[in-house]
Amino acid sequence: MKRPDQLKDEEIDRIIEMAWEDRTSFDAIERQFGLSERQVIHLMRREISPSGFRMWRKRVQSRKTKHERYQTRSSRFKSDRQRSISLNKISKRG
């Protein structure tokens, strides 16, 4: 795992951006940058204003999407009337 003090400024900016996004999980940040959830929280506390950090923590604690193990894998809605596609050819209704 990387330590937060080993990161470049561009990486820190990207981690902060990803942490603010609702659909980006801590697991995705860990895979990309090697930082655990605890390290991301520490980095956010250090890099953003105290009021911004409190607002972020309040949002993160109420979101299931920040942890992949709590996310549900639902498929997108597809109408029964929509034509099915197989092998890049649109099949006709028979």
PDB file of N, CA and C in Angstrom:
ATOM      1  N   MET A   1       0.835  -1.185   0.000  1.00  0.00           N
ATOM      2  CA  MET A   1       0.000   0.000   0.000  1.00  0.00           C
ATOM      3  C   MET A   1       0.873   1.240   0.000  1.00  0.00           C
ATOM      4  N   LYS A   2       0.408   2.222  -0.734  1.00  0.00           N
ATOM      5  CA  LYS A   2       1.104   3.503  -0.731  1.00  0.00           C
ATOM      6  C   LYS A   2       0.743   4.267   0.530  1.00  0.00           C
ATOM      7  N   ARG A   3       1.647   5.128   0.914  1.00  0.00           N
ATOM      8  CA  ARG A   3       1.348   6.044   2.014  1.00  0.00           C
ATOM      9  C   ARG A   3       0.905   7.361   1.401  1.00  0.00           C
ATOM     10  N   PRO A   4      -0.021   8.066   2.038  1.00  0.00           N
ATOM     11  CA  PRO A   4      -0.505   9.333   1.478  1.00  0.00           C
ATOM     12  C   PRO A   4       0.598  10.352   1.218  1.00  0.00           C
ATOM     13  N   ASP A   5       1.684  10.310   1.984  1.00  0.00           N
ATOM     14  CA  ASP A   5       2.757  11.283   1.766  1.00  0.00           C
ATOM     15  C   ASP A   5       3.632  10.926   0.561  1.00  0.00           C
ATOM     16  N   GLN A   6       3.413   9.766  -0.065  1.00  0.00           N
ATOM     17  CA  GLN A   6       4.171   9.364  -1.249  1.00  0.00           C
ATOM     18  C   GLN A   6       3.448   9.727  -2.546  1.00  0.00           C
ATOM     19  N   LEU A   7       2.284  10.347  -2.442  1.00  0.00           N
ATOM     20  CA  LEU A   7       1.473  10.644  -3.616  1.00  0.00           C
ATOM     21  C   LEU A   7       1.843  11.985  -4.224  1.00  0.00           C
ATOM     22  N   LYS A   8       1.688  12.063  -5.537  1.00  0.00           N
ATOM     23  CA  LYS A   8       1.892  13.325  -6.253  1.00  0.00           C
ATOM     24  C   LYS A   8       0.647  14.184  -6.088  1.00  0.00           C
ATOM     25  N   ASP A   9       0.789  15.479  -6.340  1.00  0.00           N
ATOM     26  CA  ASP A   9      -0.337  16.407  -6.204  1.00  0.00           C
ATOM     27  C   ASP A   9      -1.503  16.015  -7.115  1.00  0.00           C
ATOM     28  N   GLU A  10      -1.193  15.562  -8.333  1.00  0.00           N
ATOM     29  CA  GLU A  10      -2.248  15.157  -9.274  1.00  0.00           C
ATOM     30  C   GLU A  10      -3.012  13.946  -8.737  1.00  0.00           C
ATOM     31  N   GLU A  11      -2.301  13.020  -8.109  1.00  0.00           N
ATOM     32  CA  GLU A  11      -2.946  11.832  -7.547  1.00  0.00           C
ATOM     33  C   GLU A  11      -3.837  12.203  -6.365  1.00  0.00           C
ATOM     34  N   ILE A  12      -3.363  13.112  -5.539  1.00  0.00           N
ATOM     35  CA  ILE A  12      -4.159  13.569  -4.398  1.00  0.00           C
ATOM     36  C   ILE A  12      -5.443  14.234  -4.883  1.00  0.00           C
ATOM     37  N   ASP A  13      -5.319  15.078  -5.899  1.00  0.00           N
ATOM     38  CA  ASP A  13      -6.505  15.733  -6.453  1.00  0.00           C
ATOM     39  C   ASP A  13      -7.502  14.712  -6.989  1.00  0.00           C
ATOM     40  N   ARG A  14      -7.014  13.697  -7.675  1.00  0.00           N
ATOM     41  CA  ARG A  14      -7.900  12.668  -8.239  1.00  0.00           C
ATOM     42  C   ARG A  14      -8.559  11.839  -7.126  1.00  0.00           C
ATOM     43  N   ILE A  15      -7.817  11.525  -6.080  1.00  0.00           N
ATOM     44  CA  ILE A  15      -8.384  10.768  -4.962  1.00  0.00           C
ATOM     45  C   ILE A  15      -9.498  11.574  -4.289  1.00  0.00           C
ATOM     46  N   ILE A  16      -9.271  12.858  -4.084  1.00  0.00           N
ATOM     47  CA  ILE A  16     -10.297  13.719  -3.482  1.00  0.00           C
ATOM     48  C   ILE A  16     -11.526  13.758  -4.380  1.00  0.00           C
ATOM     49  N   GLU A  17     -11.320  13.891  -5.669  1.00  0.00           N
ATOM     50  CA  GLU A  17     -12.434  13.909  -6.616  1.00  0.00           C
ATOM     51  C   GLU A  17     -13.216  12.589  -6.562  1.00  0.00           C
ATOM     52  N   MET A  18     -12.502  11.469  -6.545  1.00  0.00           N
ATOM     53  CA  MET A  18     -13.157  10.162  -6.483  1.00  0.00           C
ATOM     54  C   MET A  18     -13.886   9.967  -5.160  1.00  0.00           C
ATOM     55  N   ALA A  19     -13.302  10.452  -4.070  1.00  0.00           N
ATOM     56  CA  ALA A  19     -13.935  10.313  -2.754  1.00  0.00           C
ATOM     57  C   ALA A  19     -15.237  11.108  -2.678  1.00  0.00           C
ATOM     58  N   TRP A  20     -15.309  12.251  -3.355  1.00  0.00           N
ATOM     59  CA  TRP A  20     -16.525  13.063  -3.351  1.00  0.00           C
ATOM     60  C   TRP A  20     -17.614  12.440  -4.206  1.00  0.00           C
ATOM     61  N   GLU A  21     -17.236  11.663  -5.223  1.00  0.00           N
ATOM     62  CA  GLU A  21     -18.238  11.057  -6.097  1.00  0.00           C
ATOM     63  C   GLU A  21     -19.031   9.997  -5.332  1.00  0.00           C
ATOM     64  N   ASP A  22     -20.323  10.013  -5.475  1.00  0.00           N
ATOM     65  CA  ASP A  22     -21.176   9.087  -4.735  1.00  0.00           C
ATOM     66  C   ASP A  22     -20.999   7.650  -5.192  1.00  0.00           C
ATOM     67  N   ARG A  23     -20.781   7.410  -6.455  1.00  0.00           N
ATOM     68  CA  ARG A  23     -20.745   6.047  -6.970  1.00  0.00           C
ATOM     69  C   ARG A  23     -19.358   5.423  -6.974  1.00  0.00           C
ATOM     70  N   THR A  24     -18.336   6.164  -6.611  1.00  0.00           N
ATOM     71  CA  THR A  24     -16.988   5.603  -6.557  1.00  0.00           C
ATOM     72  C   THR A  24     -16.754   5.028  -5.165  1.00  0.00           C
ATOM     73  N   SER A  25     -16.487   3.742  -5.105  1.00  0.00           N
ATOM     74  CA  SER A  25     -16.323   3.088  -3.806  1.00  0.00           C
ATOM     75  C   SER A  25     -14.893   3.244  -3.289  1.00  0.00           C
ATOM     76  N   PHE A  26     -14.736   3.025  -1.995  1.00  0.00           N
ATOM     77  CA  PHE A  26     -13.399   3.022  -1.400  1.00  0.00           C
ATOM     78  C   PHE A  26     -12.564   1.890  -1.982  1.00  0.00           C
ATOM     79  N   ASP A  27     -13.223   0.800  -2.352  1.00  0.00           N
ATOM     80  CA  ASP A  27     -12.511  -0.334  -2.950  1.00  0.00           C
ATOM     81  C   ASP A  27     -11.889   0.052  -4.287  1.00  0.00           C
ATOM     82  N   ALA A  28     -12.592   0.862  -5.078  1.00  0.00           N
ATOM     83  CA  ALA A  28     -12.065   1.316  -6.365  1.00  0.00           C
ATOM     84  C   ALA A  28     -10.856   2.228  -6.151  1.00  0.00           C
ATOM     85  N   ILE A  29     -10.926   3.075  -5.143  1.00  0.00           N
ATOM     86  CA  ILE A  29      -9.790   3.958  -4.833  1.00  0.00           C
ATOM     87  C   ILE A  29      -8.597   3.116  -4.382  1.00  0.00           C
ATOM     88  N   GLU A  30      -8.868   2.085  -3.589  1.00  0.00           N
ATOM     89  CA  GLU A  30      -7.783   1.225  -3.123  1.00  0.00           C
ATOM     90  C   GLU A  30      -7.129   0.472  -4.287  1.00  0.00           C
ATOM     91  N   ARG A  31      -7.945  -0.022  -5.212  1.00  0.00           N
ATOM     92  CA  ARG A  31      -7.380  -0.727  -6.370  1.00  0.00           C
ATOM     93  C   ARG A  31      -6.521   0.194  -7.235  1.00  0.00           C
ATOM     94  N   GLN A  32      -6.965   1.428  -7.406  1.00  0.00           N
ATOM     95  CA  GLN A  32      -6.245   2.342  -8.289  1.00  0.00           C
ATOM     96  C   GLN A  32      -5.034   2.983  -7.622  1.00  0.00           C
ATOM     97  N   PHE A  33      -5.141   3.348  -6.354  1.00  0.00           N
ATOM     98  CA  PHE A  33      -4.068   4.102  -5.704  1.00  0.00           C
ATOM     99  C   PHE A  33      -3.407   3.373  -4.538  1.00  0.00           C
ATOM    100  N   GLY A  34      -3.978   2.265  -4.100  1.00  0.00           N
ATOM    101  CA  GLY A  34      -3.375   1.506  -3.008  1.00  0.00           C
ATOM    102  C   GLY A  34      -3.605   2.092  -1.633  1.00  0.00           C
ATOM    103  N   LEU A  35      -4.647   2.921  -1.485  1.00  0.00           N
ATOM    104  CA  LEU A  35      -4.961   3.521  -0.182  1.00  0.00           C
ATOM    105  C   LEU A  35      -6.191   2.861   0.415  1.00  0.00           C
ATOM    106  N   SER A  36      -6.115   2.505   1.683  1.00  0.00           N
ATOM    107  CA  SER A  36      -7.263   1.921   2.368  1.00  0.00           C
ATOM    108  C   SER A  36      -8.290   3.020   2.672  1.00  0.00           C
ATOM    109  N   GLU A  37      -9.458   2.598   3.110  1.00  0.00           N
ATOM    110  CA  GLU A  37     -10.499   3.560   3.481  1.00  0.00           C
ATOM    111  C   GLU A  37      -9.995   4.501   4.574  1.00  0.00           C
ATOM    112  N   ARG A  38      -9.318   3.954   5.560  1.00  0.00           N
ATOM    113  CA  ARG A  38      -8.789   4.763   6.661  1.00  0.00           C
ATOM    114  C   ARG A  38      -7.783   5.811   6.142  1.00  0.00           C
ATOM    115  N   GLN A  39      -6.949   5.411   5.184  1.00  0.00           N
ATOM    116  CA  GLN A  39      -5.973   6.343   4.626  1.00  0.00           C
ATOM    117  C   GLN A  39      -6.652   7.435   3.803  1.00  0.00           C
ATOM    118  N   VAL A  40      -7.710   7.086   3.087  1.00  0.00           N
ATOM    119  CA  VAL A  40      -8.464   8.091   2.318  1.00  0.00           C
ATOM    120  C   VAL A  40      -9.095   9.098   3.267  1.00  0.00           C
ATOM    121  N   ILE A  41      -9.666   8.615   4.359  1.00  0.00           N
ATOM    122  CA  ILE A  41     -10.269   9.511   5.351  1.00  0.00           C
ATOM    123  C   ILE A  41      -9.210  10.450   5.932  1.00  0.00           C
ATOM    124  N   HIS A  42      -8.058   9.902   6.254  1.00  0.00           N
ATOM    125  CA  HIS A  42      -6.956  10.723   6.784  1.00  0.00           C
ATOM    126  C   HIS A  42      -6.516  11.763   5.748  1.00  0.00           C
ATOM    127  N   LEU A  43      -6.409  11.357   4.488  1.00  0.00           N
ATOM    128  CA  LEU A  43      -6.008  12.276   3.415  1.00  0.00           C
ATOM    129  C   LEU A  43      -7.041  13.393   3.256  1.00  0.00           C
ATOM    130  N   MET A  44      -8.319  13.031   3.283  1.00  0.00           N
ATOM    131  CA  MET A  44      -9.379  14.040   3.149  1.00  0.00           C
ATOM    132  C   MET A  44      -9.338  15.014   4.325  1.00  0.00           C
ATOM    133  N   ARG A  45      -9.114  14.502   5.525  1.00  0.00           N
ATOM    134  CA  ARG A  45      -9.041  15.364   6.711  1.00  0.00           C
ATOM    135  C   ARG A  45      -7.887  16.367   6.575  1.00  0.00           C
ATOM    136  N   ARG A  46      -6.771  15.888   6.011  1.00  0.00           N
ATOM    137  CA  ARG A  46      -5.576  16.719   5.874  1.00  0.00           C
ATOM    138  C   ARG A  46      -5.692  17.729   4.729  1.00  0.00           C
ATOM    139  N   GLU A  47      -6.366  17.358   3.631  1.00  0.00           N
ATOM    140  CA  GLU A  47      -6.322  18.156   2.409  1.00  0.00           C
ATOM    141  C   GLU A  47      -7.472  19.135   2.216  1.00  0.00           C
ATOM    142  N   ILE A  48      -8.637  18.867   2.826  1.00  0.00           N
ATOM    143  CA  ILE A  48      -9.756  19.787   2.618  1.00  0.00           C
ATOM    144  C   ILE A  48     -10.061  20.522   3.921  1.00  0.00           C
ATOM    145  N   SER A  49     -10.885  21.542   3.825  1.00  0.00           N
ATOM    146  CA  SER A  49     -11.203  22.360   4.998  1.00  0.00           C
ATOM    147  C   SER A  49     -11.969  21.533   6.031  1.00  0.00           C
ATOM    148  N   PRO A  50     -11.892  21.943   7.296  1.00  0.00           N
ATOM    149  CA  PRO A  50     -12.617  21.201   8.335  1.00  0.00           C
ATOM    150  C   PRO A  50     -14.124  21.099   8.076  1.00  0.00           C
ATOM    151  N   SER A  51     -14.742  22.186   7.607  1.00  0.00           N
ATOM    152  CA  SER A  51     -16.186  22.120   7.333  1.00  0.00           C
ATOM    153  C   SER A  51     -16.469  21.227   6.127  1.00  0.00           C
ATOM    154  N   GLY A  52     -15.597  21.268   5.121  1.00  0.00           N
ATOM    155  CA  GLY A  52     -15.743  20.394   3.962  1.00  0.00           C
ATOM    156  C   GLY A  52     -15.591  18.931   4.353  1.00  0.00           C
ATOM    157  N   PHE A  53     -14.654  18.654   5.253  1.00  0.00           N
ATOM    158  CA  PHE A  53     -14.449  17.285   5.718  1.00  0.00           C
ATOM    159  C   PHE A  53     -15.673  16.776   6.480  1.00  0.00           C
ATOM    160  N   ARG A  54     -16.232  17.603   7.371  1.00  0.00           N
ATOM    161  CA  ARG A  54     -17.417  17.197   8.128  1.00  0.00           C
ATOM    162  C   ARG A  54     -18.594  16.917   7.193  1.00  0.00           C
ATOM    163  N   MET A  55     -18.768  17.769   6.186  1.00  0.00           N
ATOM    164  CA  MET A  55     -19.846  17.586   5.230  1.00  0.00           C
ATOM    165  C   MET A  55     -19.635  16.280   4.434  1.00  0.00           C
ATOM    166  N   TRP A  56     -18.403  16.027   4.012  1.00  0.00           N
ATOM    167  CA  TRP A  56     -18.083  14.806   3.264  1.00  0.00           C
ATOM    168  C   TRP A  56     -18.323  13.561   4.119  1.00  0.00           C
ATOM    169  N   ARG A  57     -17.862  13.570   5.365  1.00  0.00           N
ATOM    170  CA  ARG A  57     -18.032  12.407   6.238  1.00  0.00           C
ATOM    171  C   ARG A  57     -19.517  12.111   6.487  1.00  0.00           C
ATOM    172  N   LYS A  58     -20.299  13.161   6.646  1.00  0.00           N
ATOM    173  CA  LYS A  58     -21.729  12.976   6.862  1.00  0.00           C
ATOM    174  C   LYS A  58     -22.356  12.304   5.642  1.00  0.00           C
ATOM    175  N   ARG A  59     -21.954  12.717   4.433  1.00  0.00           N
ATOM    176  CA  ARG A  59     -22.475  12.115   3.206  1.00  0.00           C
ATOM    177  C   ARG A  59     -22.014  10.680   3.059  1.00  0.00           C
ATOM    178  N   VAL A  60     -20.735  10.420   3.308  1.00  0.00           N
ATOM    179  CA  VAL A  60     -20.154   9.095   3.092  1.00  0.00           C
ATOM    180  C   VAL A  60     -20.747   8.065   4.051  1.00  0.00           C
ATOM    181  N   GLN A  61     -20.969   8.451   5.282  1.00  0.00           N
ATOM    182  CA  GLN A  61     -21.470   7.499   6.282  1.00  0.00           C
ATOM    183  C   GLN A  61     -22.872   7.014   5.976  1.00  0.00           C
ATOM    184  N   SER A  62     -23.632   7.772   5.199  1.00  0.00           N
ATOM    185  CA  SER A  62     -25.001   7.351   4.894  1.00  0.00           C
ATOM    186  C   SER A  62     -25.122   6.702   3.512  1.00  0.00           C
ATOM    187  N   ARG A  63     -24.005   6.453   2.833  1.00  0.00           N
ATOM    188  CA  ARG A  63     -24.042   5.896   1.480  1.00  0.00           C
ATOM    189  C   ARG A  63     -23.580   4.455   1.445  1.00  0.00           C
ATOM    190  N   LYS A  64     -24.403   3.596   0.884  1.00  0.00           N
ATOM    191  CA  LYS A  64     -23.995   2.214   0.699  1.00  0.00           C
ATOM    192  C   LYS A  64     -23.088   2.076  -0.514  1.00  0.00           C
ATOM    193  N   THR A  65     -23.149   3.032  -1.439  1.00  0.00           N
ATOM    194  CA  THR A  65     -22.368   2.922  -2.669  1.00  0.00           C
ATOM    195  C   THR A  65     -20.871   3.130  -2.446  1.00  0.00           C
ATOM    196  N   LYS A  66     -20.473   3.573  -1.279  1.00  0.00           N
ATOM    197  CA  LYS A  66     -19.049   3.771  -1.015  1.00  0.00           C
ATOM    198  C   LYS A  66     -18.357   2.461  -0.667  1.00  0.00           C
ATOM    199  N   HIS A  67     -19.128   1.380  -0.511  1.00  0.00           N
ATOM    200  CA  HIS A  67     -18.563   0.066  -0.230  1.00  0.00           C
ATOM    201  C   HIS A  67     -19.148  -0.934  -1.215  1.00  0.00           C
ATOM    202  N   GLU A  68     -18.297  -1.589  -1.997  1.00  0.00           N
ATOM    203  CA  GLU A  68     -18.778  -2.506  -3.014  1.00  0.00           C
ATOM    204  C   GLU A  68     -19.540  -3.687  -2.426  1.00  0.00           C
ATOM    205  N   ARG A  69     -19.190  -4.112  -1.236  1.00  0.00           N
ATOM    206  CA  ARG A  69     -19.865  -5.284  -0.673  1.00  0.00           C
ATOM    207  C   ARG A  69     -21.328  -5.000  -0.344  1.00  0.00           C
ATOM    208  N   TYR A  70     -21.710  -3.733  -0.230  1.00  0.00           N
ATOM    209  CA  TYR A  70     -23.095  -3.382   0.056  1.00  0.00           C
ATOM    210  C   TYR A  70     -23.885  -2.996  -1.179  1.00  0.00           C
ATOM    211  N   GLN A  71     -23.227  -2.879  -2.309  1.00  0.00           N
ATOM    212  CA  GLN A  71     -23.912  -2.480  -3.532  1.00  0.00           C
ATOM    213  C   GLN A  71     -24.690  -3.648  -4.103  1.00  0.00           C
ATOM    214  N   THR A  72     -25.845  -3.350  -4.651  1.00  0.00           N
ATOM    215  CA  THR A  72     -26.615  -4.382  -5.328  1.00  0.00           C
ATOM    216  C   THR A  72     -26.346  -4.260  -6.815  1.00  0.00           C
ATOM    217  N   ARG A  73     -26.189  -5.382  -7.446  1.00  0.00           N
ATOM    218  CA  ARG A  73     -25.931  -5.415  -8.883  1.00  0.00           C
ATOM    219  C   ARG A  73     -27.264  -5.575  -9.609  1.00  0.00           C
ATOM    220  N   SER A  74     -27.862  -4.479  -9.972  1.00  0.00           N
ATOM    221  CA  SER A  74     -29.111  -4.565 -10.709  1.00  0.00           C
ATOM    222  C   SER A  74     -28.859  -4.193 -12.157  1.00  0.00           C
ATOM    223  N   SER A  75     -29.547  -4.869 -13.040  1.00  0.00           N
ATOM    224  CA  SER A  75     -29.368  -4.570 -14.450  1.00  0.00           C
ATOM    225  C   SER A  75     -30.264  -3.397 -14.829  1.00  0.00           C
ATOM    226  N   ARG A  76     -29.923  -2.767 -15.896  1.00  0.00           N
ATOM    227  CA  ARG A  76     -30.715  -1.639 -16.359  1.00  0.00           C
ATOM    228  C   ARG A  76     -32.030  -2.122 -16.921  1.00  0.00           C
ATOM    229  N   PHE A  77     -33.025  -1.266 -16.882  1.00  0.00           N
ATOM    230  CA  PHE A  77     -34.329  -1.614 -17.404  1.00  0.00           C
ATOM    231  C   PHE A  77     -34.259  -1.796 -18.912  1.00  0.00           C
ATOM    232  N   LYS A  78     -34.905  -2.829 -19.400  1.00  0.00           N
ATOM    233  CA  LYS A  78     -35.001  -3.074 -20.828  1.00  0.00           C
ATOM    234  C   LYS A  78     -36.434  -3.467 -21.115  1.00  0.00           C
ATOM    235  N   SER A  79     -37.073  -2.735 -21.973  1.00  0.00           N
ATOM    236  CA  SER A  79     -38.457  -3.000 -22.309  1.00  0.00           C
ATOM    237  C   SER A  79     -38.594  -4.328 -23.034  1.00  0.00           C
ATOM    238  N   ASP A  80     -39.714  -5.019 -22.801  1.00  0.00           N
ATOM    239  CA  ASP A  80     -39.989  -6.260 -23.519  1.00  0.00           C
ATOM    240  C   ASP A  80     -40.164  -6.016 -25.008  1.00  0.00           C
ATOM    241  N   ARG A  81     -40.535  -4.809 -25.365  1.00  0.00           N
ATOM    242  CA  ARG A  81     -40.780  -4.486 -26.764  1.00  0.00           C
ATOM    243  C   ARG A  81     -39.492  -4.134 -27.513  1.00  0.00           C
ATOM    244  N   GLN A  82     -38.410  -3.937 -26.783  1.00  0.00           N
ATOM    245  CA  GLN A  82     -37.143  -3.593 -27.414  1.00  0.00           C
ATOM    246  C   GLN A  82     -36.597  -4.825 -28.139  1.00  0.00           C
ATOM    247  N   ARG A  83     -36.088  -4.606 -29.326  1.00  0.00           N
ATOM    248  CA  ARG A  83     -35.533  -5.709 -30.105  1.00  0.00           C
ATOM    249  C   ARG A  83     -34.263  -6.224 -29.448  1.00  0.00           C
ATOM    250  N   SER A  84     -34.092  -7.497 -29.495  1.00  0.00           N
ATOM    251  CA  SER A  84     -32.869  -8.058 -28.919  1.00  0.00           C
ATOM    252  C   SER A  84     -31.758  -8.016 -29.958  1.00  0.00           C
ATOM    253  N   ILE A  85     -30.544  -7.925 -29.490  1.00  0.00           N
ATOM    254  CA  ILE A  85     -29.384  -7.845 -30.360  1.00  0.00           C
ATOM    255  C   ILE A  85     -28.523  -9.073 -30.103  1.00  0.00           C
ATOM    256  N   SER A  86     -28.187  -9.778 -31.169  1.00  0.00           N
ATOM    257  CA  SER A  86     -27.279 -10.912 -31.020  1.00  0.00           C
ATOM    258  C   SER A  86     -26.244 -10.865 -32.130  1.00  0.00           C
ATOM    259  N   LEU A  87     -25.005 -10.994 -31.747  1.00  0.00           N
ATOM    260  CA  LEU A  87     -23.885 -10.949 -32.690  1.00  0.00           C
ATOM    261  C   LEU A  87     -23.896  -9.685 -33.539  1.00  0.00           C
ATOM    262  N   ASN A  88     -24.216  -8.566 -32.927  1.00  0.00           N
ATOM    263  CA  ASN A  88     -24.247  -7.260 -33.571  1.00  0.00           C
ATOM    264  C   ASN A  88     -25.246  -7.143 -34.707  1.00  0.00           C
ATOM    265  N   LYS A  89     -26.177  -8.050 -34.809  1.00  0.00           N
ATOM    266  CA  LYS A  89     -27.236  -7.960 -35.820  1.00  0.00           C
ATOM    267  C   LYS A  89     -28.560  -7.877 -35.082  1.00  0.00           C
ATOM    268  N   ILE A  90     -29.374  -6.963 -35.507  1.00  0.00           N
ATOM    269  CA  ILE A  90     -30.675  -6.800 -34.871  1.00  0.00           C
ATOM    270  C   ILE A  90     -31.588  -7.907 -35.384  1.00  0.00           C
ATOM    271  N   SER A  91     -32.090  -8.701 -34.484  1.00  0.00           N
ATOM    272  CA  SER A  91     -32.986  -9.776 -34.913  1.00  0.00           C
ATOM    273  C   SER A  91     -34.396  -9.222 -35.106  1.00  0.00           C
ATOM    274  N   LYS A  92     -35.096  -9.797 -36.045  1.00  0.00           N
ATOM    275  CA  LYS A  92     -36.438  -9.339 -36.366  1.00  0.00           C
ATOM    276  C   LYS A  92     -37.439 -10.145 -35.570  1.00  0.00           C
ATOM    277  N   ARG A  93     -38.566  -9.498 -35.329  1.00  0.00           N
ATOM    278  CA  ARG A  93     -39.644 -10.212 -34.651  1.00  0.00           C
ATOM    279  C   ARG A  93     -40.225 -11.222 -35.627  1.00  0.00           C
ATOM    280  N   GLY A  94     -40.502 -12.377 -35.125  1.00  0.00           N
ATOM    281  CA  GLY A  94     -40.963 -13.412 -36.029  1.00  0.00           C
ATOM    282  C   GLY A  94     -42.333 -13.731 -35.890  1.00  0.00           C
TER     283      GLY A  94
END
